[in-house]
Amino acid sequence: MAMKLNMHLVGKIAIALAATLLSLVVLEVGARWIVVTDPGLSSLYRVPHPVFGWVLEPRASYRNTFLVDAPRVTYNSRGWRDVEHDFEKPPGVFRILVLGDSFMEAYSVELNEAFHRRIAGLAKADGLNVETINLGVGGYGTLQQYLVFREVGRRYDPDLVLLGFHPANDVRDNSIALERLVTEGLKVDSRPFLAMSSTVDWTITQPDFEGARHRYIVAKARRDSFPQRLVRQYASIRATGDAINKIRNFGRSQTVGDGQALGNEQLTVRNDIYPTDPTNYPVSFCKEPPEVTSAWAATSRILDRLETEIRQTGAEFAVFSVPAIQNVSPGAIRLKWIRPDDPSRLCLAEAPSHRRLKTVLDELGVHFINLLPALREAHSKNAWLYGADFHWNAAGHELAAETVSEYLEAHNMVPAEGQVR
């Protein structure tokens, strides 16, 4: 009798476990329709570097879940957002090297939608044997881009170097005084700067590599911990965590809908990620502050040195502007995180930073491709060019590539069909 009762109890337990397991499977499958597994952000995969400040983790792969469509972001074996490339250039190939910051890293779109891949696609459609190599890294300033070319980029023997310049923060990234107004810690202490004590000397400050490495080890241990791996692997666990966070952060977000300024979508802004930051605006002040004048002087010196070293390799050099959303879309100024304390100080429509960049490049004799008019024209026709993280979406990358390609062809900076210089 006892045996029969025990078997009956075991049977009930087995049925209960099976039902529980089935429920978990159904919950997991259902959760994957709502959230994605393997979430991440570029900042979690930036590895401290003694020269560059930081680099991207080789072979890392994640889904950028800051965005609704969660594009897959993967870095190649050398730690660049690109396919694999050999240093030795194949015969008959025209190589274009791309430098820049997060816009060129392009973690907001799928790889085949990124600027550098679209540039290659447009060239190949015209019958050109072109290879584009992307060395863009999120957070990089012009000095870091120069150092990457010096240490890595020139080894690819490029025929043309393109630099995507984002005036909204690239100028600030070249000035330790301006950078300290915005942030502290990793992006300041771990970033190299050009010392401006003299207009003749070329002295680069040393990043706090050991401090950055310690912080990275701690952050990586947390990222790779068992609980975090469970969250990344199982959508049901992540969905539960997201629900808890939404309850905790209730009232800390704002939703902005503006058909003319922001497209026919609603944009949810996380104020805990993007706080109000008027110090993003110095380059757009109608009257340029002395700190910005100094930052432009440093930027000019870095661009001059970069142009010289590119020319020494026999390659050509061109810079294209990467406009911020507030310069393209006047309605963006309504968003709390980019709303300045005193809008009257700003000349966003006049875009003084783009005029200043053109002046600097004209003085250096460097080709300048101003993308602002093209993006503004597209915006006036209700084109949606920016994503929820205020970086270009696929349409933004496509328009940028088309505009740059047109300039390169018009100025004979790419070879004619069947020809390689």
Protein backbone atom coordinates (compact mmCIF):
# COMPACT_ATOMS: atom_id res chain seq x y z
CA MET A 1 0.00 0.00 0.00
CA ALA A 2 2.78 2.41 0.97
CA MET A 3 4.58 1.52 -2.26
CA LYS A 4 1.50 2.41 -4.30
CA LEU A 5 1.14 5.73 -2.45
CA ASN A 6 4.80 6.55 -3.03
CA MET A 7 4.51 5.74 -6.75
CA HIS A 8 1.37 7.87 -6.96
CA LEU A 9 3.20 10.78 -5.25
CA VAL A 10 6.21 10.38 -7.56
CA GLY A 11 3.86 10.44 -10.53
CA LYS A 12 2.24 13.65 -9.34
CA ILE A 13 5.63 15.27 -8.77
CA ALA A 14 6.78 14.21 -12.25
CA ILE A 15 3.63 15.64 -13.83
CA ALA A 16 4.05 18.88 -11.86
CA LEU A 17 7.71 19.16 -12.92
CA ALA A 18 6.82 18.46 -16.54
CA ALA A 19 4.06 21.07 -16.43
CA THR A 20 6.42 23.57 -14.84
CA LEU A 21 9.10 22.87 -17.44
CA LEU A 22 6.59 23.23 -20.25
CA SER A 23 5.35 26.50 -18.77
CA LEU A 24 8.92 27.83 -18.60
CA VAL A 25 9.54 26.81 -22.21
CA VAL A 26 6.33 28.53 -23.33
CA LEU A 27 7.26 31.61 -21.26
CA GLU A 28 10.74 31.72 -22.81
CA VAL A 29 9.41 31.34 -26.35
CA GLY A 30 6.83 34.04 -25.72
CA ALA A 31 9.39 36.35 -24.13
CA ARG A 32 11.58 36.11 -27.22
CA TRP A 33 8.81 37.78 -29.19
CA ILE A 34 9.07 40.74 -26.81
CA VAL A 35 12.75 41.02 -25.91
CA VAL A 36 15.93 39.73 -27.50
CA THR A 37 18.68 37.70 -25.95
CA ASP A 38 22.35 38.65 -25.91
CA PRO A 39 21.79 42.37 -25.18
CA GLY A 40 24.67 44.80 -24.94
CA LEU A 41 26.05 48.28 -25.56
CA SER A 42 29.29 49.35 -27.25
CA SER A 43 30.58 50.88 -24.02
CA LEU A 44 30.59 47.43 -22.38
CA TYR A 45 33.06 46.15 -24.98
CA ARG A 46 35.65 48.93 -24.89
CA VAL A 47 38.96 47.56 -23.71
CA PRO A 48 41.57 49.95 -22.22
CA HIS A 49 44.55 50.65 -24.47
CA PRO A 50 47.78 52.41 -23.42
CA VAL A 51 47.98 54.54 -26.60
CA PHE A 52 44.48 54.92 -28.01
CA GLY A 53 42.68 55.07 -24.67
CA TRP A 54 40.39 52.16 -25.54
CA VAL A 55 39.72 49.72 -28.35
CA LEU A 56 36.84 47.37 -29.16
CA GLU A 57 36.89 43.81 -27.87
CA PRO A 58 37.94 41.45 -30.70
CA ARG A 59 35.24 39.00 -31.83
CA ALA A 60 32.70 40.40 -29.37
CA SER A 61 29.09 40.09 -30.48
CA TYR A 62 25.87 41.46 -28.98
CA ARG A 63 22.48 42.94 -29.83
CA ASN A 64 22.20 46.70 -29.34
CA THR A 65 19.01 46.57 -27.34
CA PHE A 66 18.93 50.31 -26.74
CA LEU A 67 17.14 50.30 -30.12
CA VAL A 68 13.81 48.66 -30.85
CA ASP A 69 15.13 46.64 -33.79
CA ALA A 70 18.22 45.57 -31.77
CA PRO A 71 20.80 45.35 -34.58
CA ARG A 72 23.50 42.70 -34.24
CA VAL A 73 26.91 44.25 -33.53
CA THR A 74 30.02 42.14 -34.11
CA TYR A 75 33.68 43.11 -34.08
CA ASN A 76 36.27 41.35 -36.22
CA SER A 77 39.41 39.58 -35.00
CA ARG A 78 41.28 42.90 -34.74
CA GLY A 79 38.48 44.63 -32.87
CA TRP A 80 36.86 46.75 -35.60
CA ARG A 81 33.21 46.92 -36.68
CA ASP A 82 33.91 45.39 -40.04
CA VAL A 83 34.56 42.19 -41.94
CA GLU A 84 38.09 40.75 -41.90
CA HIS A 85 40.80 42.52 -43.90
CA ASP A 86 44.44 41.59 -44.53
CA PHE A 87 47.04 44.30 -44.12
CA GLU A 88 48.44 43.45 -47.56
CA LYS A 89 46.38 45.09 -50.27
CA PRO A 90 45.23 42.74 -53.04
CA PRO A 91 46.35 43.65 -56.58
CA GLY A 92 43.98 45.89 -58.49
CA VAL A 93 42.06 47.02 -55.40
CA PHE A 94 41.39 50.65 -54.46
CA ARG A 95 41.34 50.91 -50.67
CA ILE A 96 39.32 53.45 -48.71
CA LEU A 97 40.05 53.75 -44.99
CA VAL A 98 37.32 55.24 -42.77
CA LEU A 99 38.04 56.96 -39.44
CA GLY A 100 35.50 58.34 -36.98
CA ASP A 101 33.59 57.89 -33.75
CA SER A 102 30.35 56.09 -32.88
CA PHE A 103 28.67 57.22 -36.11
CA MET A 104 31.33 55.31 -38.05
CA GLU A 105 31.39 52.38 -35.64
CA ALA A 106 27.73 52.32 -36.65
CA TYR A 107 26.44 50.18 -33.79
CA SER A 108 22.95 51.59 -34.43
CA VAL A 109 22.50 49.66 -37.70
CA GLU A 110 23.30 46.28 -39.17
CA LEU A 111 26.80 46.02 -40.65
CA ASN A 112 25.65 46.00 -44.28
CA GLU A 113 23.74 49.24 -43.60
CA ALA A 114 26.78 51.11 -42.25
CA PHE A 115 28.36 54.05 -44.08
CA HIS A 116 31.57 52.26 -45.03
CA ARG A 117 29.76 49.22 -46.43
CA ARG A 118 27.41 51.42 -48.44
CA ILE A 119 30.37 53.37 -49.85
CA ALA A 120 31.85 50.09 -51.07
CA GLY A 121 28.51 48.96 -52.46
CA LEU A 122 28.03 52.17 -54.44
CA ALA A 123 31.55 51.92 -55.87
CA LYS A 124 31.12 48.29 -56.88
CA ALA A 125 27.80 49.13 -58.52
CA ASP A 126 29.78 51.53 -60.72
CA GLY A 127 32.18 48.74 -61.66
CA LEU A 128 35.01 49.76 -59.32
CA ASN A 129 37.09 47.27 -57.38
CA VAL A 130 36.91 49.06 -54.03
CA GLU A 131 37.56 47.80 -50.51
CA THR A 132 36.52 49.90 -47.52
CA ILE A 133 38.12 49.39 -44.12
CA ASN A 134 36.38 50.80 -41.05
CA LEU A 135 38.43 51.92 -38.05
CA GLY A 136 35.73 54.00 -36.39
CA VAL A 137 35.32 53.60 -32.62
CA GLY A 138 32.67 55.09 -30.36
CA GLY A 139 33.87 57.97 -28.22
CA TYR A 140 37.03 58.66 -30.24
CA GLY A 141 38.20 62.23 -30.76
CA THR A 142 40.39 63.46 -33.60
CA LEU A 143 43.63 62.72 -31.76
CA GLN A 144 42.63 59.10 -31.21
CA GLN A 145 41.68 58.84 -34.88
CA TYR A 146 45.11 60.20 -35.83
CA LEU A 147 46.83 57.69 -33.52
CA VAL A 148 44.80 54.83 -35.01
CA PHE A 149 45.89 55.86 -38.51
CA ARG A 150 49.50 56.16 -37.41
CA GLU A 151 49.64 52.82 -35.64
CA VAL A 152 47.16 50.73 -37.65
CA GLY A 153 45.53 52.48 -40.59
CA ARG A 154 48.64 53.11 -42.66
CA ARG A 155 49.48 49.40 -42.53
CA TYR A 156 46.50 48.76 -44.80
CA ASP A 157 48.13 50.91 -47.53
CA PRO A 158 44.98 52.96 -48.24
CA ASP A 159 44.52 55.00 -51.41
CA LEU A 160 42.01 57.31 -49.78
CA VAL A 161 41.28 58.16 -46.13
CA LEU A 162 37.87 59.47 -45.12
CA LEU A 163 37.27 60.99 -41.70
CA GLY A 164 33.75 61.47 -40.37
CA PHE A 165 33.88 64.56 -38.14
CA HIS A 166 31.04 65.04 -35.62
CA PRO A 167 31.37 68.69 -34.54
CA ALA A 168 28.91 68.30 -31.66
CA ASN A 169 31.48 66.44 -29.58
CA ASP A 170 34.66 65.83 -31.62
CA VAL A 171 35.94 69.33 -30.83
CA ARG A 172 35.15 68.80 -27.16
CA ASP A 173 36.90 65.41 -27.25
CA ASN A 174 40.09 67.24 -28.29
CA SER A 175 40.06 69.50 -25.24
CA ILE A 176 40.57 68.25 -21.71
CA ALA A 177 39.08 71.50 -20.37
CA LEU A 178 35.82 71.05 -22.30
CA GLU A 179 35.69 67.31 -21.67
CA ARG A 180 35.90 67.79 -17.92
CA LEU A 181 32.78 69.97 -18.10
CA VAL A 182 30.80 67.00 -19.38
CA THR A 183 32.16 63.87 -17.82
CA GLU A 184 34.65 62.49 -15.37
CA GLY A 185 36.42 59.17 -15.07
CA LEU A 186 37.00 56.83 -17.98
CA LYS A 187 36.41 59.11 -20.97
CA VAL A 188 38.63 61.84 -19.51
CA ASP A 189 41.35 60.03 -17.59
CA SER A 190 41.65 57.26 -20.16
CA ARG A 191 41.70 59.49 -23.25
CA PRO A 192 44.94 60.94 -24.67
CA PHE A 193 44.98 64.70 -25.31
CA LEU A 194 47.30 66.99 -27.23
CA ALA A 195 49.06 69.26 -24.74
CA MET A 196 48.61 72.85 -25.94
CA SER A 197 51.37 74.46 -23.88
CA SER A 198 53.21 75.29 -27.08
CA THR A 199 52.25 75.73 -30.73
CA VAL A 200 55.51 74.05 -31.73
CA ASP A 201 55.90 71.04 -29.44
CA TRP A 202 53.90 67.90 -30.05
CA THR A 203 53.20 66.33 -26.68
CA ILE A 204 50.45 63.82 -26.04
CA THR A 205 49.22 63.21 -22.50
CA GLN A 206 49.36 59.62 -21.30
CA PRO A 207 46.03 57.90 -20.58
CA ASP A 208 45.48 56.46 -17.12
CA PHE A 209 45.81 52.93 -18.50
CA GLU A 210 46.18 51.14 -15.16
CA GLY A 211 43.16 52.88 -13.65
CA ALA A 212 41.09 52.14 -16.74
CA ARG A 213 42.26 48.54 -16.81
CA HIS A 214 41.21 48.04 -13.19
CA ARG A 215 37.74 49.48 -13.87
CA TYR A 216 37.44 47.31 -16.98
CA ILE A 217 38.35 44.12 -15.12
CA VAL A 218 35.69 44.83 -12.51
CA ALA A 219 33.07 45.67 -15.13
CA LYS A 220 33.95 42.64 -17.27
CA ALA A 221 33.72 40.31 -14.25
CA ARG A 222 30.23 41.60 -13.59
CA ARG A 223 29.28 41.33 -17.28
CA ASP A 224 30.52 37.73 -17.42
CA SER A 225 29.07 36.70 -14.05
CA PHE A 226 26.59 33.81 -13.94
CA PRO A 227 23.53 36.01 -13.21
CA GLN A 228 24.39 38.37 -16.07
CA ARG A 229 24.94 35.48 -18.46
CA LEU A 230 21.53 34.12 -17.50
CA VAL A 231 19.96 37.50 -18.21
CA ARG A 232 21.63 37.66 -21.64
CA GLN A 233 20.77 34.07 -22.54
CA TYR A 234 17.16 33.81 -21.35
CA ALA A 235 14.60 36.30 -22.61
CA SER A 236 12.11 35.45 -19.86
CA ILE A 237 14.57 36.50 -17.15
CA ARG A 238 15.42 39.69 -19.01
CA ALA A 239 11.74 40.50 -19.60
CA THR A 240 11.11 40.16 -15.88
CA GLY A 241 14.06 42.40 -15.09
CA ASP A 242 12.94 44.98 -17.67
CA ALA A 243 9.47 45.03 -16.13
CA ILE A 244 10.93 45.64 -12.67
CA ASN A 245 13.16 48.44 -14.03
CA LYS A 246 10.21 50.10 -15.76
CA ILE A 247 8.34 50.15 -12.48
CA ARG A 248 11.37 51.63 -10.72
CA ASN A 249 11.94 54.23 -13.46
CA PHE A 250 8.29 55.17 -13.85
CA GLY A 251 8.06 58.91 -14.47
CA ARG A 252 11.73 59.24 -15.42
CA SER A 253 11.13 59.05 -19.17
CA GLN A 254 9.44 61.31 -21.65
CA THR A 255 7.88 60.54 -24.99
CA VAL A 256 8.11 63.13 -27.71
CA GLY A 257 6.10 63.01 -30.93
CA ASP A 258 6.66 65.63 -33.63
CA GLY A 259 5.78 64.65 -37.19
CA GLN A 260 7.74 67.49 -38.76
CA ALA A 261 10.80 67.54 -36.54
CA LEU A 262 11.19 63.92 -35.52
CA GLY A 263 9.47 61.94 -38.25
CA ASN A 264 6.22 60.07 -37.86
CA GLU A 265 7.46 58.11 -34.88
CA GLN A 266 7.47 58.61 -31.16
CA LEU A 267 10.82 58.82 -29.49
CA THR A 268 11.24 57.66 -25.92
CA VAL A 269 14.13 59.35 -24.15
CA ARG A 270 15.67 57.82 -21.07
CA ASN A 271 16.51 60.81 -18.89
CA ASP A 272 18.68 58.64 -16.66
CA ILE A 273 20.89 57.85 -19.70
CA TYR A 274 20.75 61.24 -21.43
CA PRO A 275 20.47 63.93 -18.75
CA THR A 276 20.13 67.60 -19.62
CA ASP A 277 23.59 68.58 -20.79
CA PRO A 278 24.04 72.17 -22.00
CA THR A 279 27.79 71.58 -22.23
CA ASN A 280 27.11 69.62 -25.44
CA TYR A 281 26.56 72.98 -27.09
CA PRO A 282 29.72 75.14 -26.87
CA VAL A 283 30.53 74.71 -30.59
CA SER A 284 27.03 76.00 -31.42
CA PHE A 285 27.21 79.15 -29.31
CA CYS A 286 26.67 82.27 -31.39
CA LYS A 287 29.64 83.83 -29.63
CA GLU A 288 32.50 81.35 -29.41
CA PRO A 289 33.84 80.89 -25.85
CA PRO A 290 37.64 81.02 -25.35
CA GLU A 291 37.69 77.33 -24.36
CA VAL A 292 36.13 76.43 -27.70
CA THR A 293 38.62 78.60 -29.58
CA SER A 294 41.44 76.69 -27.85
CA ALA A 295 39.79 73.37 -28.65
CA TRP A 296 39.52 74.31 -32.33
CA ALA A 297 43.21 75.25 -32.30
CA ALA A 298 44.08 71.78 -30.99
CA THR A 299 41.76 70.18 -33.54
CA SER A 300 43.42 72.11 -36.37
CA ARG A 301 46.89 70.98 -35.29
CA ILE A 302 45.79 67.35 -35.13
CA LEU A 303 44.11 67.48 -38.54
CA ASP A 304 47.20 69.13 -40.00
CA ARG A 305 49.44 66.36 -38.70
CA LEU A 306 47.01 63.67 -39.85
CA GLU A 307 46.82 65.20 -43.33
CA THR A 308 50.61 65.37 -43.55
CA GLU A 309 51.10 61.74 -42.61
CA ILE A 310 48.36 60.57 -44.94
CA ARG A 311 49.96 62.45 -47.82
CA GLN A 312 53.32 60.90 -46.96
CA THR A 313 51.83 57.47 -47.63
CA GLY A 314 50.65 58.60 -51.06
CA ALA A 315 46.96 58.52 -50.13
CA GLU A 316 44.39 61.30 -50.50
CA PHE A 317 42.42 62.70 -47.59
CA ALA A 318 38.89 64.06 -47.20
CA VAL A 319 36.77 65.00 -44.20
CA PHE A 320 32.98 64.88 -44.18
CA SER A 321 30.82 66.43 -41.49
CA VAL A 322 28.51 64.30 -39.35
CA PRO A 323 25.73 66.69 -38.29
CA ALA A 324 24.06 66.30 -34.92
CA ILE A 325 20.30 65.86 -34.85
CA GLN A 326 19.79 69.32 -33.32
CA ASN A 327 21.45 70.96 -36.34
CA VAL A 328 19.31 68.98 -38.78
CA SER A 329 16.02 68.99 -36.84
CA PRO A 330 15.04 72.20 -35.00
CA GLY A 331 12.38 70.17 -33.18
CA ALA A 332 15.06 68.12 -31.43
CA ILE A 333 15.79 71.08 -29.20
CA ARG A 334 12.49 70.32 -27.49
CA LEU A 335 13.89 67.10 -26.05
CA LYS A 336 14.81 67.55 -22.43
CA TRP A 337 18.26 65.97 -22.67
CA ILE A 338 19.41 68.44 -25.31
CA ARG A 339 17.46 71.45 -24.10
CA PRO A 340 19.98 74.13 -23.10
CA ASP A 341 19.56 76.46 -20.18
CA ASP A 342 19.61 79.49 -22.49
CA PRO A 343 18.57 78.76 -26.11
CA SER A 344 19.25 82.38 -27.08
CA ARG A 345 22.98 81.65 -26.88
CA LEU A 346 22.72 79.06 -29.64
CA CYS A 347 22.88 79.45 -33.41
CA LEU A 348 21.82 75.94 -34.42
CA ALA A 349 20.38 76.99 -37.77
CA GLU A 350 23.58 78.84 -38.69
CA ALA A 351 25.68 75.85 -37.56
CA PRO A 352 28.84 77.80 -36.64
CA SER A 353 30.71 74.55 -35.98
CA HIS A 354 30.30 73.47 -39.61
CA ARG A 355 31.49 76.87 -40.86
CA ARG A 356 34.44 76.68 -38.48
CA LEU A 357 35.31 73.18 -39.66
CA LYS A 358 35.26 74.32 -43.29
CA THR A 359 37.54 77.24 -42.47
CA VAL A 360 40.02 74.97 -40.70
CA LEU A 361 40.08 72.47 -43.55
CA ASP A 362 40.32 75.16 -46.23
CA GLU A 363 43.37 76.57 -44.46
CA LEU A 364 44.91 73.08 -44.42
CA GLY A 365 44.00 72.37 -48.03
CA VAL A 366 41.88 69.36 -47.09
CA HIS A 367 38.77 68.32 -49.00
CA PHE A 368 35.61 69.05 -46.99
CA ILE A 369 32.26 67.40 -47.68
CA ASN A 370 29.52 69.21 -45.78
CA LEU A 371 26.63 66.79 -45.26
CA LEU A 372 24.45 69.29 -43.42
CA PRO A 373 22.62 70.67 -46.52
CA ALA A 374 21.79 67.17 -47.81
CA LEU A 375 20.47 65.99 -44.45
CA ARG A 376 18.45 69.16 -43.94
CA GLU A 377 16.90 68.85 -47.38
CA ALA A 378 15.94 65.22 -46.70
CA HIS A 379 14.54 66.22 -43.31
CA SER A 380 12.41 68.93 -44.92
CA LYS A 381 10.80 66.13 -46.93
CA ASN A 382 9.99 64.23 -43.72
CA ALA A 383 12.84 61.74 -44.09
CA TRP A 384 13.66 59.97 -40.84
CA LEU A 385 17.48 59.85 -40.56
CA TYR A 386 18.20 59.35 -36.86
CA GLY A 387 17.37 56.56 -34.44
CA ALA A 388 16.34 56.65 -30.79
CA ASP A 389 20.00 56.98 -29.77
CA PHE A 390 20.36 60.09 -32.00
CA HIS A 391 22.76 58.33 -34.35
CA TRP A 392 22.05 57.77 -38.03
CA ASN A 393 19.66 55.00 -38.84
CA ALA A 394 19.95 53.02 -42.10
CA ALA A 395 18.50 55.89 -44.14
CA GLY A 396 20.99 58.33 -42.58
CA HIS A 397 23.95 56.10 -43.43
CA GLU A 398 22.63 55.62 -46.96
CA LEU A 399 22.21 59.35 -47.60
CA ALA A 400 25.66 60.10 -46.15
CA ALA A 401 27.29 57.47 -48.36
CA GLU A 402 25.52 58.71 -51.47
CA THR A 403 26.51 62.33 -50.82
CA VAL A 404 30.14 61.49 -50.09
CA SER A 405 30.35 59.19 -53.14
CA GLU A 406 29.02 61.95 -55.40
CA TYR A 407 31.71 64.32 -54.12
CA LEU A 408 34.50 61.77 -54.57
CA GLU A 409 33.45 61.08 -58.15
CA ALA A 410 33.03 64.77 -59.00
CA HIS A 411 36.55 65.53 -57.70
CA ASN A 412 38.19 62.46 -59.31
CA MET A 413 39.16 61.04 -55.93
CA VAL A 414 38.20 57.51 -56.93
CA PRO A 415 39.50 55.81 -60.08
CA ALA A 416 37.46 55.42 -63.22
CA GLU A 417 36.00 52.01 -64.00
CA GLY A 418 38.73 49.43 -64.43
CA GLN A 419 41.48 51.74 -63.23
CA VAL A 420 43.42 51.74 -59.96
CA ARG A 421 46.06 54.27 -59.13
